[in-house]
Amino acid sequence: MLRTNKKSGELVRRGETVAIIGGGQKIAKLLIAEEDIKQIQLNQFVLFNLNTDKDALYEGLVTKIYPSFDDLEQSFIIEARFKESTDKLYHNTQLQANIIIGQKENTWVIPADYLIPGDSVQLSNGDVQSVQVGVRYDRWAEVLNGVGADDVIQKPKI
């Protein structure tokens, strides 16, 4: 595949796409904050959510870590490849990527929106129970103690 966006003699601005070449494996360019780059390693597992296909979750691997800070993006840049090809991936599609930097087994996790500020949860009987929270993600929170298998929690009505 070759598609050119400019004709001979046309002005090209910095960062503007001039041509799209190839139809090989899809690569995601990911911007990483300075405080997070030290946690990124080659071949780490990546989960992608595409803006063009929000209900699907795609898997990939970190394949390249650029060694210098990009002043234009104000981030470090890495590349990640999709494990499987998808027809729903379009050039310049925006996405969210979660890079797995560690895993735990046999942990209790709850939806993050079930947490009440101050690290508490609401039980099904209406009581509020204090919990100790470990790792927090955008959608999930690890509960270290405070509730167990016999407790039923509910989303707070706040």
C-alpha atoms as a PDB file:
ATOM      1  CA  MET A   1       0.000   0.000   0.000  1.00  0.00           C
ATOM      2  CA  LEU A   2       1.289   3.466  -0.849  1.00  0.00           C
ATOM      3  CA  ARG A   3      -0.666   6.648  -0.385  1.00  0.00           C
ATOM      4  CA  THR A   4       0.850  10.092  -0.779  1.00  0.00           C
ATOM      5  CA  ASN A   5      -0.764  13.119   0.792  1.00  0.00           C
ATOM      6  CA  LYS A   6       1.384  15.737  -0.937  1.00  0.00           C
ATOM      7  CA  LYS A   7       2.308  16.609  -4.481  1.00  0.00           C
ATOM      8  CA  SER A   8       5.739  17.720  -5.639  1.00  0.00           C
ATOM      9  CA  GLY A   9       6.365  21.319  -4.564  1.00  0.00           C
ATOM     10  CA  GLU A  10       3.713  21.434  -1.831  1.00  0.00           C
ATOM     11  CA  LEU A  11       4.602  22.788   1.597  1.00  0.00           C
ATOM     12  CA  VAL A  12       5.119  20.181   4.322  1.00  0.00           C
ATOM     13  CA  ARG A  13       4.704  21.256   7.930  1.00  0.00           C
ATOM     14  CA  ARG A  14       6.502  19.637  10.840  1.00  0.00           C
ATOM     15  CA  GLY A  15       4.689  16.518  12.023  1.00  0.00           C
ATOM     16  CA  GLU A  16       2.467  16.351   8.936  1.00  0.00           C
ATOM     17  CA  THR A  17       2.013  12.967   7.237  1.00  0.00           C
ATOM     18  CA  VAL A  18       3.571  13.034   3.776  1.00  0.00           C
ATOM     19  CA  ALA A  19       2.959   9.431   2.763  1.00  0.00           C
ATOM     20  CA  ILE A  20       1.752   6.135   4.140  1.00  0.00           C
ATOM     21  CA  ILE A  21       3.836   3.209   3.010  1.00  0.00           C
ATOM     22  CA  GLY A  22       3.353  -0.501   3.579  1.00  0.00           C
ATOM     23  CA  GLY A  23       0.740  -2.822   4.880  1.00  0.00           C
ATOM     24  CA  GLY A  24       2.810  -4.776   7.373  1.00  0.00           C
ATOM     25  CA  GLN A  25       2.205  -5.480  11.008  1.00  0.00           C
ATOM     26  CA  LYS A  26       0.419  -2.727  12.921  1.00  0.00           C
ATOM     27  CA  ILE A  27       2.487  -0.761  15.433  1.00  0.00           C
ATOM     28  CA  ALA A  28       1.181   1.493  18.176  1.00  0.00           C
ATOM     29  CA  LYS A  29       3.215   4.544  19.168  1.00  0.00           C
ATOM     30  CA  LEU A  30       2.759   5.044  22.899  1.00  0.00           C
ATOM     31  CA  LEU A  31       3.676   8.131  24.906  1.00  0.00           C
ATOM     32  CA  ILE A  32       5.085   7.353  28.349  1.00  0.00           C
ATOM     33  CA  ALA A  33       5.457   9.849  31.201  1.00  0.00           C
ATOM     34  CA  GLU A  34       8.921  10.478  32.636  1.00  0.00           C
ATOM     35  CA  GLU A  35       8.029   8.952  35.992  1.00  0.00           C
ATOM     36  CA  ASP A  36       6.760   5.749  34.338  1.00  0.00           C
ATOM     37  CA  ILE A  37       9.469   4.986  31.757  1.00  0.00           C
ATOM     38  CA  LYS A  38      11.664   3.151  34.284  1.00  0.00           C
ATOM     39  CA  GLN A  39       8.944   0.488  34.637  1.00  0.00           C
ATOM     40  CA  ILE A  40       8.783  -0.315  30.912  1.00  0.00           C
ATOM     41  CA  GLN A  41      10.735  -3.230  29.439  1.00  0.00           C
ATOM     42  CA  LEU A  42      10.843  -4.984  26.082  1.00  0.00           C
ATOM     43  CA  ASN A  43       8.274  -7.774  25.590  1.00  0.00           C
ATOM     44  CA  GLN A  44       5.948  -6.533  28.330  1.00  0.00           C
ATOM     45  CA  PHE A  45       2.307  -7.427  27.738  1.00  0.00           C
ATOM     46  CA  VAL A  46       0.057  -4.573  26.529  1.00  0.00           C
ATOM     47  CA  LEU A  47      -3.747  -4.332  26.428  1.00  0.00           C
ATOM     48  CA  PHE A  48      -5.227  -1.900  23.879  1.00  0.00           C
ATOM     49  CA  ASN A  49      -8.640  -0.218  23.668  1.00  0.00           C
ATOM     50  CA  LEU A  50      -9.190   1.488  20.304  1.00  0.00           C
ATOM     51  CA  ASN A  51     -11.379   4.578  20.006  1.00  0.00           C
ATOM     52  CA  THR A  52     -12.809   3.078  16.799  1.00  0.00           C
ATOM     53  CA  ASP A  53     -13.772  -0.191  18.544  1.00  0.00           C
ATOM     54  CA  LYS A  54     -14.328   0.617  22.246  1.00  0.00           C
ATOM     55  CA  ASP A  55     -15.910  -2.736  23.151  1.00  0.00           C
ATOM     56  CA  ALA A  56     -12.941  -4.848  22.066  1.00  0.00           C
ATOM     57  CA  LEU A  57      -9.698  -5.472  23.928  1.00  0.00           C
ATOM     58  CA  TYR A  58      -6.564  -6.203  21.911  1.00  0.00           C
ATOM     59  CA  GLU A  59      -3.287  -7.723  23.085  1.00  0.00           C
ATOM     60  CA  GLY A  60       0.235  -6.737  22.173  1.00  0.00           C
ATOM     61  CA  LEU A  61       3.862  -6.572  23.257  1.00  0.00           C
ATOM     62  CA  VAL A  62       6.335  -3.723  23.816  1.00  0.00           C
ATOM     63  CA  THR A  63       8.820  -4.029  20.935  1.00  0.00           C
ATOM     64  CA  LYS A  64      10.890  -0.843  21.045  1.00  0.00           C
ATOM     65  CA  ILE A  65      11.809   1.753  23.656  1.00  0.00           C
ATOM     66  CA  TYR A  66      13.261   4.986  22.311  1.00  0.00           C
ATOM     67  CA  PRO A  67      16.143   6.007  24.575  1.00  0.00           C
ATOM     68  CA  SER A  68      15.585   9.767  24.635  1.00  0.00           C
ATOM     69  CA  PHE A  69      12.868  12.127  25.821  1.00  0.00           C
ATOM     70  CA  ASP A  70      10.805  13.631  22.995  1.00  0.00           C
ATOM     71  CA  ASP A  71      10.573  17.406  23.573  1.00  0.00           C
ATOM     72  CA  LEU A  72       7.694  17.819  21.111  1.00  0.00           C
ATOM     73  CA  GLU A  73       5.522  15.156  22.779  1.00  0.00           C
ATOM     74  CA  GLN A  74       6.878  15.885  26.295  1.00  0.00           C
ATOM     75  CA  SER A  75       7.076  12.116  26.793  1.00  0.00           C
ATOM     76  CA  PHE A  76       9.197   9.090  26.131  1.00  0.00           C
ATOM     77  CA  ILE A  77       8.070   7.075  23.116  1.00  0.00           C
ATOM     78  CA  ILE A  78       7.761   3.319  22.846  1.00  0.00           C
ATOM     79  CA  GLU A  79       6.360   1.027  20.173  1.00  0.00           C
ATOM     80  CA  ALA A  80       4.077  -1.919  20.768  1.00  0.00           C
ATOM     81  CA  ARG A  81       2.930  -4.474  18.201  1.00  0.00           C
ATOM     82  CA  PHE A  82      -0.506  -6.045  18.128  1.00  0.00           C
ATOM     83  CA  LYS A  83      -0.445  -9.832  18.613  1.00  0.00           C
ATOM     84  CA  GLU A  84      -3.218 -10.353  16.078  1.00  0.00           C
ATOM     85  CA  SER A  85      -4.177  -8.276  13.094  1.00  0.00           C
ATOM     86  CA  THR A  86      -7.499  -6.512  13.165  1.00  0.00           C
ATOM     87  CA  ASP A  87      -9.624  -4.960  10.465  1.00  0.00           C
ATOM     88  CA  LYS A  88     -10.782  -2.323  12.948  1.00  0.00           C
ATOM     89  CA  LEU A  89      -7.374  -0.645  13.246  1.00  0.00           C
ATOM     90  CA  TYR A  90      -7.083   2.502  11.167  1.00  0.00           C
ATOM     91  CA  HIS A  91      -4.062   4.714  10.586  1.00  0.00           C
ATOM     92  CA  ASN A  92      -3.741   7.411  13.312  1.00  0.00           C
ATOM     93  CA  THR A  93      -6.448   5.822  15.450  1.00  0.00           C
ATOM     94  CA  GLN A  94      -6.285   7.007  19.033  1.00  0.00           C
ATOM     95  CA  LEU A  95      -6.164   4.353  21.700  1.00  0.00           C
ATOM     96  CA  GLN A  96      -5.599   3.651  25.345  1.00  0.00           C
ATOM     97  CA  ALA A  97      -2.898   1.163  26.252  1.00  0.00           C
ATOM     98  CA  ASN A  98      -2.303  -0.521  29.582  1.00  0.00           C
ATOM     99  CA  ILE A  99       1.162  -2.000  29.973  1.00  0.00           C
ATOM    100  CA  ILE A 100       1.282  -4.851  32.452  1.00  0.00           C
ATOM    101  CA  ILE A 101       4.203  -4.130  34.784  1.00  0.00           C
ATOM    102  CA  GLY A 102       3.410  -6.812  37.368  1.00  0.00           C
ATOM    103  CA  GLN A 103       0.902  -9.478  38.308  1.00  0.00           C
ATOM    104  CA  LYS A 104      -0.435 -10.897  41.549  1.00  0.00           C
ATOM    105  CA  GLU A 105      -2.267 -14.141  42.116  1.00  0.00           C
ATOM    106  CA  ASN A 106      -5.078 -14.815  44.566  1.00  0.00           C
ATOM    107  CA  THR A 107      -6.030 -11.196  45.158  1.00  0.00           C
ATOM    108  CA  TRP A 108      -9.372  -9.560  45.830  1.00  0.00           C
ATOM    109  CA  VAL A 109     -10.282  -6.832  43.377  1.00  0.00           C
ATOM    110  CA  ILE A 110     -13.370  -4.669  43.209  1.00  0.00           C
ATOM    111  CA  PRO A 111     -14.524  -2.082  40.693  1.00  0.00           C
ATOM    112  CA  ALA A 112     -12.812   1.203  41.606  1.00  0.00           C
ATOM    113  CA  ASP A 113     -16.116   3.065  41.537  1.00  0.00           C
ATOM    114  CA  TYR A 114     -17.315   0.890  44.463  1.00  0.00           C
ATOM    115  CA  LEU A 115     -14.766   2.598  46.722  1.00  0.00           C
ATOM    116  CA  ILE A 116     -16.027   5.405  48.911  1.00  0.00           C
ATOM    117  CA  PRO A 117     -13.531   8.247  49.491  1.00  0.00           C
ATOM    118  CA  GLY A 118     -11.454   7.374  52.525  1.00  0.00           C
ATOM    119  CA  ASP A 119     -11.143   3.743  51.395  1.00  0.00           C
ATOM    120  CA  SER A 120     -14.452   2.267  52.479  1.00  0.00           C
ATOM    121  CA  VAL A 121     -17.106   0.150  50.779  1.00  0.00           C
ATOM    122  CA  GLN A 122     -20.841  -0.076  51.276  1.00  0.00           C
ATOM    123  CA  LEU A 123     -22.121  -3.514  52.216  1.00  0.00           C
ATOM    124  CA  SER A 124     -25.435  -4.838  50.894  1.00  0.00           C
ATOM    125  CA  ASN A 125     -27.065  -4.226  54.295  1.00  0.00           C
ATOM    126  CA  GLY A 126     -26.151  -0.513  54.046  1.00  0.00           C
ATOM    127  CA  ASP A 127     -23.243  -0.566  56.505  1.00  0.00           C
ATOM    128  CA  VAL A 128     -19.999   1.135  55.509  1.00  0.00           C
ATOM    129  CA  GLN A 129     -16.873  -0.963  56.015  1.00  0.00           C
ATOM    130  CA  SER A 130     -13.330   0.419  56.028  1.00  0.00           C
ATOM    131  CA  VAL A 131     -10.923  -1.471  53.730  1.00  0.00           C
ATOM    132  CA  GLN A 132      -7.190  -1.435  53.093  1.00  0.00           C
ATOM    133  CA  VAL A 133      -6.528  -0.825  49.408  1.00  0.00           C
ATOM    134  CA  GLY A 134      -3.409  -2.028  47.587  1.00  0.00           C
ATOM    135  CA  VAL A 135      -2.849  -1.434  43.882  1.00  0.00           C
ATOM    136  CA  ARG A 136      -5.333   0.896  42.166  1.00  0.00           C
ATOM    137  CA  TYR A 137      -6.030   1.059  38.463  1.00  0.00           C
ATOM    138  CA  ASP A 138      -8.466   3.210  36.564  1.00  0.00           C
ATOM    139  CA  ARG A 139     -11.226   0.578  36.785  1.00  0.00           C
ATOM    140  CA  TRP A 140     -10.124  -1.796  39.551  1.00  0.00           C
ATOM    141  CA  ALA A 141      -8.792  -1.635  43.101  1.00  0.00           C
ATOM    142  CA  GLU A 142      -7.082  -4.393  45.066  1.00  0.00           C
ATOM    143  CA  VAL A 143      -8.542  -4.966  48.548  1.00  0.00           C
ATOM    144  CA  LEU A 144      -5.949  -6.254  51.014  1.00  0.00           C
ATOM    145  CA  ASN A 145      -8.297  -6.590  53.997  1.00  0.00           C
ATOM    146  CA  GLY A 146     -11.556  -5.329  55.451  1.00  0.00           C
ATOM    147  CA  VAL A 147     -13.933  -7.497  53.397  1.00  0.00           C
ATOM    148  CA  GLY A 148     -13.885 -11.146  52.447  1.00  0.00           C
ATOM    149  CA  ALA A 149     -15.642 -13.822  50.449  1.00  0.00           C
ATOM    150  CA  ASP A 150     -18.759 -13.740  52.622  1.00  0.00           C
ATOM    151  CA  ASP A 151     -19.270  -9.968  52.297  1.00  0.00           C
ATOM    152  CA  VAL A 152     -21.497  -8.563  49.593  1.00  0.00           C
ATOM    153  CA  ILE A 153     -20.662  -5.030  48.563  1.00  0.00           C
ATOM    154  CA  GLN A 154     -22.708  -2.652  46.473  1.00  0.00           C
ATOM    155  CA  LYS A 155     -22.001   0.438  44.476  1.00  0.00           C
ATOM    156  CA  PRO A 156     -22.439   3.462  46.757  1.00  0.00           C
ATOM    157  CA  LYS A 157     -25.359   5.765  46.027  1.00  0.00           C
ATOM    158  CA  ILE A 158     -23.329   8.951  46.253  1.00  0.00           C
END
